[in-house]
């Protein structure tokens, strides 16, 4: 049972972390961000950073790893939004 829980959690983390990759690639290629809300993306990035802190406080490496990937991609999108308004 524990193995299935780990598999489901890992798959969920992979999906929610990597879902931002196509968006970041699209922005890098097109250099256009007018369809994105800076406020929404900034709050999401802050929330992801807080999940990282939460993971560190609990010493939960799956939470930390998944949210560090998400944070990197989300922060990249915020930076690109600021660069290409």
Protein backbone atom coordinates (compact mmCIF):
# COMPACT_ATOMS: atom_id res chain seq x y z
CA UNK A 1 0.00 0.00 0.00
CA UNK A 2 2.79 2.43 0.93
CA UNK A 3 4.40 1.91 -2.50
CA UNK A 4 1.18 2.93 -4.28
CA UNK A 5 0.93 6.05 -2.15
CA UNK A 6 4.50 6.99 -3.11
CA UNK A 7 3.84 6.29 -6.80
CA UNK A 8 0.66 8.38 -6.81
CA UNK A 9 2.35 11.22 -4.92
CA UNK A 10 5.37 11.18 -7.21
CA UNK A 11 3.22 11.19 -10.33
CA UNK A 12 1.09 14.05 -8.96
CA UNK A 13 4.22 16.05 -8.11
CA UNK A 14 5.66 15.46 -11.56
CA UNK A 15 2.44 16.56 -13.26
CA UNK A 16 1.99 19.74 -11.23
CA UNK A 17 5.66 20.65 -11.45
CA UNK A 18 6.24 20.05 -15.13
CA UNK A 19 2.96 21.60 -16.29
CA UNK A 20 4.71 24.97 -16.28
CA UNK A 21 7.44 23.86 -18.68
CA UNK A 22 5.40 24.27 -21.89
CA UNK A 23 4.29 27.75 -20.77
CA UNK A 24 7.86 28.85 -20.08
CA UNK A 25 9.06 27.45 -23.42
CA UNK A 26 6.23 29.19 -25.28
CA UNK A 27 7.06 32.55 -23.69
CA UNK A 28 10.77 32.13 -24.43
CA UNK A 29 10.03 31.32 -28.08
CA UNK A 30 7.36 33.96 -28.71
CA UNK A 31 8.59 36.66 -26.31
CA UNK A 32 4.92 37.44 -25.56
CA UNK A 33 3.13 37.36 -22.21
CA UNK A 34 0.08 39.56 -22.66
CA UNK A 35 -2.29 36.70 -21.82
CA UNK A 36 -0.76 36.12 -18.39
CA UNK A 37 -1.67 37.88 -15.17
CA UNK A 38 1.46 39.06 -13.37
CA UNK A 39 -0.40 39.25 -10.06
CA UNK A 40 -1.70 35.68 -10.34
CA UNK A 41 1.69 34.32 -11.37
CA UNK A 42 3.46 36.25 -8.61
CA UNK A 43 1.09 34.94 -5.94
CA UNK A 44 1.44 31.41 -7.26
CA UNK A 45 5.24 31.75 -7.15
CA UNK A 46 5.07 33.06 -3.58
CA UNK A 47 2.81 30.16 -2.60
CA UNK A 48 5.22 27.69 -4.16
CA UNK A 49 8.11 29.26 -2.25
CA UNK A 50 6.12 28.87 0.95
CA UNK A 51 5.51 25.18 0.15
CA UNK A 52 9.29 24.82 -0.19
CA UNK A 53 9.78 26.39 3.24
CA UNK A 54 7.09 24.08 4.65
CA UNK A 55 8.87 21.07 3.17
CA UNK A 56 12.20 22.19 4.63
CA UNK A 57 10.65 22.69 8.07
CA UNK A 58 9.19 19.18 7.96
CA UNK A 59 12.27 17.66 6.27
CA UNK A 60 9.97 16.23 3.60
CA UNK A 61 12.16 15.89 0.51
CA UNK A 62 9.36 14.99 -1.93
CA UNK A 63 7.58 18.25 -1.06
CA UNK A 64 10.82 20.18 -1.34
CA UNK A 65 11.89 18.65 -4.66
CA UNK A 66 8.53 19.01 -6.38
CA UNK A 67 8.10 22.58 -5.26
CA UNK A 68 11.66 23.61 -6.12
CA UNK A 69 11.06 22.52 -9.72
CA UNK A 70 7.72 24.34 -9.78
CA UNK A 71 9.29 27.41 -8.16
CA UNK A 72 12.08 27.55 -10.73
CA UNK A 73 9.64 27.37 -13.64
CA UNK A 74 7.13 29.76 -12.10
CA UNK A 75 9.80 32.30 -11.17
CA UNK A 76 11.12 32.07 -14.73
CA UNK A 77 7.65 32.89 -16.02
CA UNK A 78 7.39 35.89 -13.65
CA UNK A 79 10.79 37.14 -14.82
CA UNK A 80 9.76 36.71 -18.45
CA UNK A 81 6.47 38.52 -17.78
CA UNK A 82 8.44 41.43 -16.37
CA UNK A 83 10.82 41.36 -19.33
CA UNK A 84 8.15 40.95 -22.03
CA UNK A 85 5.07 42.81 -20.76
